[in-house]
Amino acid sequence: MNDALYLGLMSGTSLDGIDAVLAEVSDTGLRVRAHAATGFAPALRAELLALNAPGAHELHRAALAANALARGCADLVNRLLAQQDLSASEVRALGAHGQTVRHQPGLHDGTGYTLQLNNPALLAELTGIDVVADFRSRDVAAGGQGAPLVPAFHAAVFGRADADVAVLNLGGIANLSLLPAAGRGEPVRGFDCGPANALLDHWHQRHRGQPYDAGGAWAASGTVDAALLALCLQEPYFAQPLPKSTGRDLFNPGWLDARLAQLPMVPRPQDVQATLAELTARSCAESLQRYAPQGPELLVCGGGARNDDLMARLRRHLPARSVQPTDVRGLPAQQVEAAAFAWLAHRALERRPGNLPDVTGARGPRVLGAIYPR
């Protein structure tokens, strides 16, 4: 089919806000035409963060938060369309990931699940655009992790015929896609490496009162605490075999506090921040070295690609590799995940699989997403 316009929406585990991408998508590629972003109101961000843990009246609160998220998404979509002088009828569909508040795909009794807060019916009502949502559940129903879903998209836009490529998304959680050269006939692989901005942002907010450490300046001012880093690296998740995925269910403030409590003396706050940055860089670098030791180039996307300190730490751990933001390949780091959900919406409408069983562990390829007509 000819290129059609799609919108992709992403609000990730870093809880830094909503990104919207307007893109031309076809079976052969994707080209971003416009991007817009908005932050969360402090009250909504606090509520979305609180809903990652059990609490009073959480079903009622989750429904209200989903409504607020949908309205924020609709406002951003309508603003983006107005800026581009487009009508809703000119957009074929909108892919809306929603806000992950639980991710438990690997429960041993087969009752695993993943939960993203969203109200796609309200989003369709407010935008007049077909909405595709709930992308992860079908993969989980087929025995998969439901995450990460972006490796298939990474392969479509960043894969090369002549060389291996690795793509690292540094959102709230870090996830890695390994894209072998097309001619080798090897499968794409991908998995969550561990924490990224989720813990960095939490610690910065707790001690500095700001939602994130701009450029990683505060982390750069500290010194890595070797004892704390060692305790963090003992987390069994890092040694867990593939497929695997994780989230705030594991890497949350309680996880960090439990390790701080084992130290004879809590380090200076800036030293904890430096240690968390080092944890992210080291766990990502070791994951790459373990599964792709031959040294493909590493493209970095997500908010962490704008963290100068974190990027410098990655380069120190990977001295033989090129480590660059995805901007160098034509897709800015902050737009990648939203673009992925525009692409996944296209896959859903064309009834084409959106998952990769070699990544998620699902029993086979599946069409992902539920469609909410305009």
Protein backbone atom coordinates (compact mmCIF):
# COMPACT_ATOMS: atom_id res chain seq x y z
CA MET A 1 0.00 0.00 0.00
CA ASN A 2 1.02 3.65 -0.35
CA ASP A 3 2.36 5.57 2.62
CA ALA A 4 -0.34 6.56 5.11
CA LEU A 5 -0.21 8.95 8.03
CA TYR A 6 -0.11 7.47 11.51
CA LEU A 7 0.35 8.92 14.96
CA GLY A 8 2.32 7.26 17.72
CA LEU A 9 2.03 8.13 21.41
CA MET A 10 4.40 7.11 24.16
CA SER A 11 4.54 7.84 27.88
CA GLY A 12 7.29 5.66 29.24
CA THR A 13 8.32 4.34 32.63
CA SER A 14 10.48 7.42 33.18
CA LEU A 15 7.21 9.37 33.60
CA ASP A 16 8.68 12.46 31.98
CA GLY A 17 5.58 13.13 29.87
CA ILE A 18 4.03 12.23 26.52
CA ASP A 19 5.69 12.17 23.11
CA ALA A 20 3.65 12.25 19.90
CA VAL A 21 5.02 11.49 16.45
CA LEU A 22 3.26 12.00 13.13
CA ALA A 23 4.77 9.68 10.55
CA GLU A 24 4.30 8.36 7.07
CA VAL A 25 4.31 4.58 7.39
CA SER A 26 4.28 1.82 4.80
CA ASP A 27 5.31 -1.81 4.58
CA THR A 28 8.81 -0.68 3.62
CA GLY A 29 9.57 2.10 6.07
CA LEU A 30 8.69 5.08 8.19
CA ARG A 31 9.38 8.81 7.89
CA VAL A 32 8.63 11.19 10.73
CA ARG A 33 6.88 14.38 9.63
CA ALA A 34 6.42 16.04 13.00
CA HIS A 35 6.97 15.58 16.71
CA ALA A 36 5.44 17.20 19.80
CA ALA A 37 5.82 16.57 23.50
CA THR A 38 4.26 17.66 26.75
CA GLY A 39 5.16 17.09 30.37
CA PHE A 40 2.83 15.64 32.97
CA ALA A 41 1.16 17.94 35.46
CA PRO A 42 2.87 17.27 38.81
CA ALA A 43 -0.29 15.80 40.35
CA LEU A 44 -0.81 13.35 37.47
CA ARG A 45 2.85 12.32 37.47
CA ALA A 46 2.70 11.69 41.22
CA GLU A 47 -0.48 9.63 40.84
CA LEU A 48 0.89 7.54 37.97
CA LEU A 49 3.99 6.85 40.04
CA ALA A 50 1.91 5.95 43.11
CA LEU A 51 -0.21 3.55 41.05
CA ASN A 52 2.86 1.40 40.42
CA ALA A 53 2.32 0.05 43.96
CA PRO A 54 -0.81 -1.22 45.73
CA GLY A 55 -2.83 1.45 47.48
CA ALA A 56 -6.26 2.45 48.71
CA HIS A 57 -9.01 2.83 46.11
CA GLU A 58 -6.52 2.05 43.38
CA LEU A 59 -9.11 0.85 40.83
CA HIS A 60 -11.00 4.13 41.08
CA ARG A 61 -7.80 6.16 41.05
CA ALA A 62 -6.44 4.19 38.09
CA ALA A 63 -9.58 4.85 36.07
CA LEU A 64 -9.38 8.58 36.76
CA ALA A 65 -5.67 8.64 35.92
CA ALA A 66 -6.35 6.80 32.66
CA ASN A 67 -8.96 9.42 31.77
CA ALA A 68 -6.53 12.23 32.55
CA LEU A 69 -3.81 10.54 30.49
CA ALA A 70 -6.18 10.11 27.53
CA ARG A 71 -7.20 13.76 27.71
CA GLY A 72 -3.56 14.84 27.82
CA CYS A 73 -2.81 12.63 24.82
CA ALA A 74 -5.79 14.01 22.91
CA ASP A 75 -4.75 17.60 23.59
CA LEU A 76 -1.26 16.85 22.31
CA VAL A 77 -2.59 15.09 19.19
CA ASN A 78 -4.99 17.88 18.36
CA ARG A 79 -2.25 20.48 18.83
CA LEU A 80 0.11 18.55 16.58
CA LEU A 81 -2.53 18.20 13.85
CA ALA A 82 -3.33 21.91 14.04
CA GLN A 83 0.36 22.76 13.70
CA GLN A 84 0.54 20.59 10.57
CA ASP A 85 -2.75 21.92 9.18
CA LEU A 86 -4.17 18.41 9.05
CA SER A 87 -7.61 17.05 9.86
CA ALA A 88 -8.20 13.92 11.90
CA SER A 89 -9.64 12.18 8.82
CA GLU A 90 -6.22 12.38 7.14
CA VAL A 91 -4.67 10.10 9.82
CA ARG A 92 -5.27 6.40 9.35
CA ALA A 93 -4.74 5.41 12.99
CA LEU A 94 -3.14 6.35 16.27
CA GLY A 95 -1.00 3.91 18.25
CA ALA A 96 -1.26 4.60 22.00
CA HIS A 97 0.92 2.59 24.34
CA GLY A 98 -0.58 3.83 27.64
CA GLN A 99 1.23 4.05 30.95
CA THR A 100 2.65 0.84 32.38
CA VAL A 101 1.80 0.45 36.06
CA ARG A 102 2.31 -3.32 36.44
CA HIS A 103 4.45 -5.76 34.47
CA GLN A 104 4.32 -9.34 35.70
CA PRO A 105 4.53 -11.54 32.60
CA GLY A 106 6.57 -14.36 34.11
CA LEU A 107 4.46 -15.56 37.03
CA HIS A 108 5.17 -19.26 37.49
CA ASP A 109 1.53 -20.39 37.55
CA GLY A 110 0.85 -19.13 34.02
CA THR A 111 -1.23 -16.16 35.12
CA GLY A 112 1.26 -13.51 34.04
CA TYR A 113 0.00 -10.14 32.90
CA THR A 114 1.01 -6.65 31.91
CA LEU A 115 -1.09 -3.56 32.60
CA GLN A 116 -0.98 -0.19 30.87
CA LEU A 117 -3.31 2.55 32.06
CA ASN A 118 -5.19 3.99 29.10
CA ASN A 119 -8.66 4.91 27.91
CA PRO A 120 -8.44 4.34 24.15
CA ALA A 121 -12.20 4.71 23.70
CA LEU A 122 -12.04 8.21 25.16
CA LEU A 123 -8.95 8.97 23.06
CA ALA A 124 -10.82 7.94 19.89
CA GLU A 125 -13.78 10.07 20.96
CA LEU A 126 -11.66 13.15 21.60
CA THR A 127 -9.49 12.91 18.48
CA GLY A 128 -11.79 11.40 15.86
CA ILE A 129 -9.04 8.94 14.92
CA ASP A 130 -9.00 5.13 15.05
CA VAL A 131 -6.93 4.13 18.07
CA VAL A 132 -4.83 0.99 18.43
CA ALA A 133 -3.94 0.18 22.04
CA ASP A 134 -3.11 -2.68 24.44
CA PHE A 135 -0.19 -3.90 22.35
CA ARG A 136 1.47 -6.12 24.94
CA SER A 137 -1.36 -8.38 26.14
CA ARG A 138 -1.57 -10.62 23.07
CA ASP A 139 2.11 -11.51 23.29
CA VAL A 140 1.70 -12.35 27.00
CA ALA A 141 -1.37 -14.46 26.17
CA ALA A 142 0.85 -16.40 23.75
CA GLY A 143 3.34 -17.13 26.53
CA GLY A 144 5.63 -14.17 25.88
CA GLN A 145 7.03 -11.40 28.02
CA GLY A 146 5.04 -8.72 26.17
CA ALA A 147 8.26 -6.71 26.15
CA PRO A 148 10.32 -5.33 24.72
CA LEU A 149 8.25 -4.70 21.58
CA VAL A 150 10.57 -2.16 19.95
CA PRO A 151 13.22 -4.58 18.55
CA ALA A 152 11.05 -5.34 15.49
CA PHE A 153 10.76 -1.61 14.80
CA HIS A 154 14.45 -1.06 15.48
CA ALA A 155 15.23 -3.74 12.90
CA ALA A 156 12.95 -2.07 10.35
CA VAL A 157 14.50 1.40 10.69
CA PHE A 158 18.07 0.84 11.95
CA GLY A 159 18.99 -2.61 10.64
CA ARG A 160 21.75 -2.86 8.05
CA ALA A 161 22.49 -5.40 5.36
CA ASP A 162 26.25 -5.19 5.81
CA ALA A 163 26.80 -4.86 9.57
CA ASP A 164 25.43 -5.72 12.98
CA VAL A 165 23.78 -2.90 14.93
CA ALA A 166 22.74 -2.61 18.57
CA VAL A 167 20.09 -0.17 19.79
CA LEU A 168 19.85 0.79 23.46
CA ASN A 169 16.74 2.56 24.73
CA LEU A 170 17.40 4.43 27.97
CA GLY A 171 13.96 5.15 29.32
CA GLY A 172 12.80 4.38 32.84
CA ILE A 173 14.13 0.88 32.13
CA ALA A 174 16.98 0.14 29.72
CA ASN A 175 16.30 -2.24 26.86
CA LEU A 176 18.65 -3.51 24.20
CA SER A 177 17.97 -4.65 20.62
CA LEU A 178 20.58 -6.72 18.78
CA LEU A 179 20.17 -6.48 15.01
CA PRO A 180 22.37 -8.88 13.03
CA ALA A 181 23.37 -8.00 9.48
CA ALA A 182 20.48 -9.02 7.24
CA GLY A 183 22.60 -11.33 5.15
CA ARG A 184 23.57 -13.49 8.13
CA GLY A 185 20.09 -14.96 8.57
CA GLU A 186 20.24 -14.73 12.36
CA PRO A 187 17.25 -13.65 14.48
CA VAL A 188 16.87 -10.25 16.08
CA ARG A 189 17.21 -10.44 19.86
CA GLY A 190 16.19 -7.99 22.56
CA PHE A 191 15.59 -7.74 26.29
CA ASP A 192 15.45 -5.36 29.22
CA CYS A 193 18.91 -4.81 30.72
CA GLY A 194 17.82 -3.27 34.04
CA PRO A 195 17.12 0.16 35.52
CA ALA A 196 17.85 3.46 33.81
CA ASN A 197 16.03 6.73 34.45
CA ALA A 198 13.50 5.25 36.88
CA LEU A 199 15.99 5.13 39.76
CA LEU A 200 18.06 8.13 38.63
CA ASP A 201 15.00 10.36 38.45
CA HIS A 202 13.63 9.09 41.75
CA TRP A 203 16.84 9.83 43.64
CA HIS A 204 17.23 13.24 42.04
CA GLN A 205 13.63 14.16 42.84
CA ARG A 206 14.05 13.02 46.44
CA HIS A 207 17.18 15.07 47.09
CA ARG A 208 17.07 17.93 44.60
CA GLY A 209 13.35 18.48 44.10
CA GLN A 210 13.57 18.33 40.30
CA PRO A 211 12.17 15.53 38.12
CA TYR A 212 15.50 14.63 36.50
CA ASP A 213 19.25 15.28 36.58
CA ALA A 214 19.73 17.52 33.52
CA GLY A 215 22.67 16.26 31.52
CA GLY A 216 23.68 14.03 34.42
CA ALA A 217 25.51 16.97 36.00
CA TRP A 218 24.72 15.94 39.58
CA ALA A 219 25.81 12.35 38.96
CA ALA A 220 29.03 13.64 37.40
CA SER A 221 29.74 15.61 40.59
CA GLY A 222 29.66 12.45 42.71
CA THR A 223 31.89 9.43 43.18
CA VAL A 224 30.78 5.85 42.60
CA ASP A 225 30.37 3.96 45.88
CA ALA A 226 31.93 0.55 45.25
CA ALA A 227 30.05 -1.21 48.05
CA LEU A 228 26.66 0.05 46.90
CA LEU A 229 27.43 -0.80 43.28
CA ALA A 230 28.42 -4.33 44.27
CA LEU A 231 25.17 -4.82 46.20
CA CYS A 232 23.14 -3.57 43.24
CA LEU A 233 24.92 -5.83 40.79
CA GLN A 234 24.07 -8.86 42.93
CA GLU A 235 20.45 -8.52 41.79
CA PRO A 236 19.52 -11.92 40.26
CA TYR A 237 17.74 -10.28 37.32
CA PHE A 238 21.05 -9.32 35.72
CA ALA A 239 22.10 -12.98 35.40
CA GLN A 240 18.66 -14.23 34.37
CA PRO A 241 18.64 -15.91 30.94
CA LEU A 242 16.67 -14.61 27.97
CA PRO A 243 13.88 -13.92 27.31
CA LYS A 244 13.40 -11.40 30.07
CA SER A 245 11.80 -8.07 30.81
CA THR A 246 11.35 -5.96 33.91
CA GLY A 247 9.98 -2.68 35.22
CA ARG A 248 9.20 -0.66 38.30
CA ASP A 249 7.73 -3.81 39.86
CA LEU A 250 11.35 -4.73 40.59
CA PHE A 251 13.52 -1.64 40.19
CA ASN A 252 11.75 0.83 42.46
CA PRO A 253 12.63 3.02 45.46
CA GLY A 254 12.15 0.09 47.84
CA TRP A 255 14.71 -1.93 45.90
CA LEU A 256 17.26 0.88 46.25
CA ASP A 257 16.47 1.55 49.91
CA ALA A 258 16.95 -2.13 50.76
CA ARG A 259 20.48 -1.99 49.41
CA LEU A 260 21.29 1.32 51.08
CA ALA A 261 20.16 -0.21 54.37
CA GLN A 262 22.87 -2.88 54.07
CA LEU A 263 25.65 -0.30 54.09
CA PRO A 264 27.32 0.73 57.36
CA MET A 265 26.94 4.36 56.28
CA VAL A 266 24.74 5.84 53.55
CA PRO A 267 26.88 7.59 50.92
CA ARG A 268 26.47 11.24 50.06
CA PRO A 269 23.38 11.78 47.85
CA GLN A 270 25.47 12.77 44.84
CA ASP A 271 27.55 9.61 45.28
CA VAL A 272 24.39 7.49 45.21
CA GLN A 273 23.40 9.29 42.01
CA ALA A 274 26.80 8.56 40.49
CA THR A 275 26.50 4.92 41.54
CA LEU A 276 23.06 4.57 39.95
CA ALA A 277 24.41 6.04 36.70
CA GLU A 278 27.30 3.61 36.84
CA LEU A 279 24.88 0.73 37.51
CA THR A 280 22.92 1.58 34.37
CA ALA A 281 26.02 2.02 32.20
CA ARG A 282 27.71 -1.12 33.47
CA SER A 283 24.65 -3.39 33.30
CA CYS A 284 23.93 -2.22 29.74
CA ALA A 285 27.54 -2.56 28.62
CA GLU A 286 27.89 -6.01 30.16
CA SER A 287 24.66 -7.12 28.49
CA LEU A 288 25.97 -5.97 25.14
CA GLN A 289 29.34 -7.64 25.63
CA ARG A 290 27.68 -10.87 26.72
CA TYR A 291 25.31 -11.21 23.79
CA ALA A 292 27.15 -9.28 21.05
CA PRO A 293 30.87 -9.54 21.81
CA GLN A 294 31.98 -8.75 18.24
CA GLY A 295 31.38 -5.03 18.68
CA PRO A 296 28.48 -3.67 16.60
CA GLU A 297 27.83 0.04 16.68
CA LEU A 298 25.57 1.12 19.53
CA LEU A 299 22.76 3.57 18.82
CA VAL A 300 21.14 5.11 21.90
CA CYS A 301 17.61 6.49 22.18
CA GLY A 302 15.25 7.60 24.93
CA GLY A 303 15.77 10.34 27.48
CA GLY A 304 19.06 8.84 28.62
CA ALA A 305 20.63 9.69 25.27
CA ARG A 306 20.51 13.33 26.44
CA ASN A 307 22.33 12.49 29.68
CA ASP A 308 25.93 13.46 28.93
CA ASP A 309 27.28 11.74 32.02
CA LEU A 310 25.50 8.47 31.27
CA MET A 311 26.66 8.51 27.64
CA ALA A 312 30.24 9.16 28.79
CA ARG A 313 30.05 6.19 31.17
CA LEU A 314 28.79 3.95 28.35
CA ARG A 315 31.67 5.02 26.13
CA ARG A 316 34.18 4.30 28.90
CA HIS A 317 32.78 0.78 29.28
CA LEU A 318 32.67 0.24 25.50
CA PRO A 319 35.89 1.84 24.24
CA ALA A 320 36.04 -0.22 21.05
CA ARG A 321 32.51 0.64 19.90
CA SER A 322 30.85 3.65 18.36
CA VAL A 323 28.25 4.91 20.87
CA GLN A 324 25.99 7.58 19.35
CA PRO A 325 22.38 8.76 19.71
CA THR A 326 19.99 7.56 17.02
CA ASP A 327 19.97 11.13 15.67
CA VAL A 328 23.00 10.13 13.57
CA ARG A 329 20.75 7.69 11.71
CA GLY A 330 18.04 10.24 11.04
CA LEU A 331 15.60 9.58 13.89
CA PRO A 332 16.07 11.76 16.99
CA ALA A 333 16.46 9.84 20.23
CA GLN A 334 13.35 11.31 21.84
CA GLN A 335 11.12 10.28 18.93
CA VAL A 336 12.02 6.62 18.58
CA GLU A 337 9.55 4.97 20.94
CA ALA A 338 6.57 7.06 19.85
CA ALA A 339 7.48 6.29 16.23
CA ALA A 340 7.56 2.60 17.15
CA PHE A 341 3.93 2.70 18.22
CA ALA A 342 2.91 4.46 15.00
CA TRP A 343 4.62 1.58 13.19
CA LEU A 344 2.94 -1.02 15.41
CA ALA A 345 -0.46 0.58 14.74
CA HIS A 346 0.21 0.16 11.02
CA ARG A 347 1.13 -3.48 11.59
CA ALA A 348 -2.12 -4.05 13.49
CA LEU A 349 -4.32 -2.51 10.80
CA GLU A 350 -2.55 -4.54 8.13
CA ARG A 351 -2.97 -7.68 10.26
CA ARG A 352 0.78 -8.21 10.34
CA PRO A 353 2.64 -9.52 13.40
CA GLY A 354 4.23 -6.91 15.64
CA ASN A 355 6.15 -9.16 18.04
CA LEU A 356 9.31 -11.20 17.62
CA PRO A 357 9.04 -14.61 19.35
CA ASP A 358 12.84 -14.83 19.59
CA VAL A 359 12.70 -11.66 21.70
CA THR A 360 9.66 -12.16 23.89
CA GLY A 361 9.45 -15.96 24.07
CA ALA A 362 5.90 -16.04 22.66
CA ARG A 363 4.74 -19.23 20.96
CA GLY A 364 4.71 -17.49 17.60
CA PRO A 365 4.18 -14.23 15.73
CA ARG A 366 1.03 -12.38 16.76
CA VAL A 367 -0.88 -9.33 15.57
CA LEU A 368 -0.69 -6.90 18.48
CA GLY A 369 -3.22 -4.37 19.66
CA ALA A 370 -6.95 -3.79 19.98
CA ILE A 371 -8.66 -1.35 17.61
CA TYR A 372 -11.04 1.34 18.88
CA PRO A 373 -12.83 2.91 15.89
CA ARG A 374 -13.24 6.69 15.68
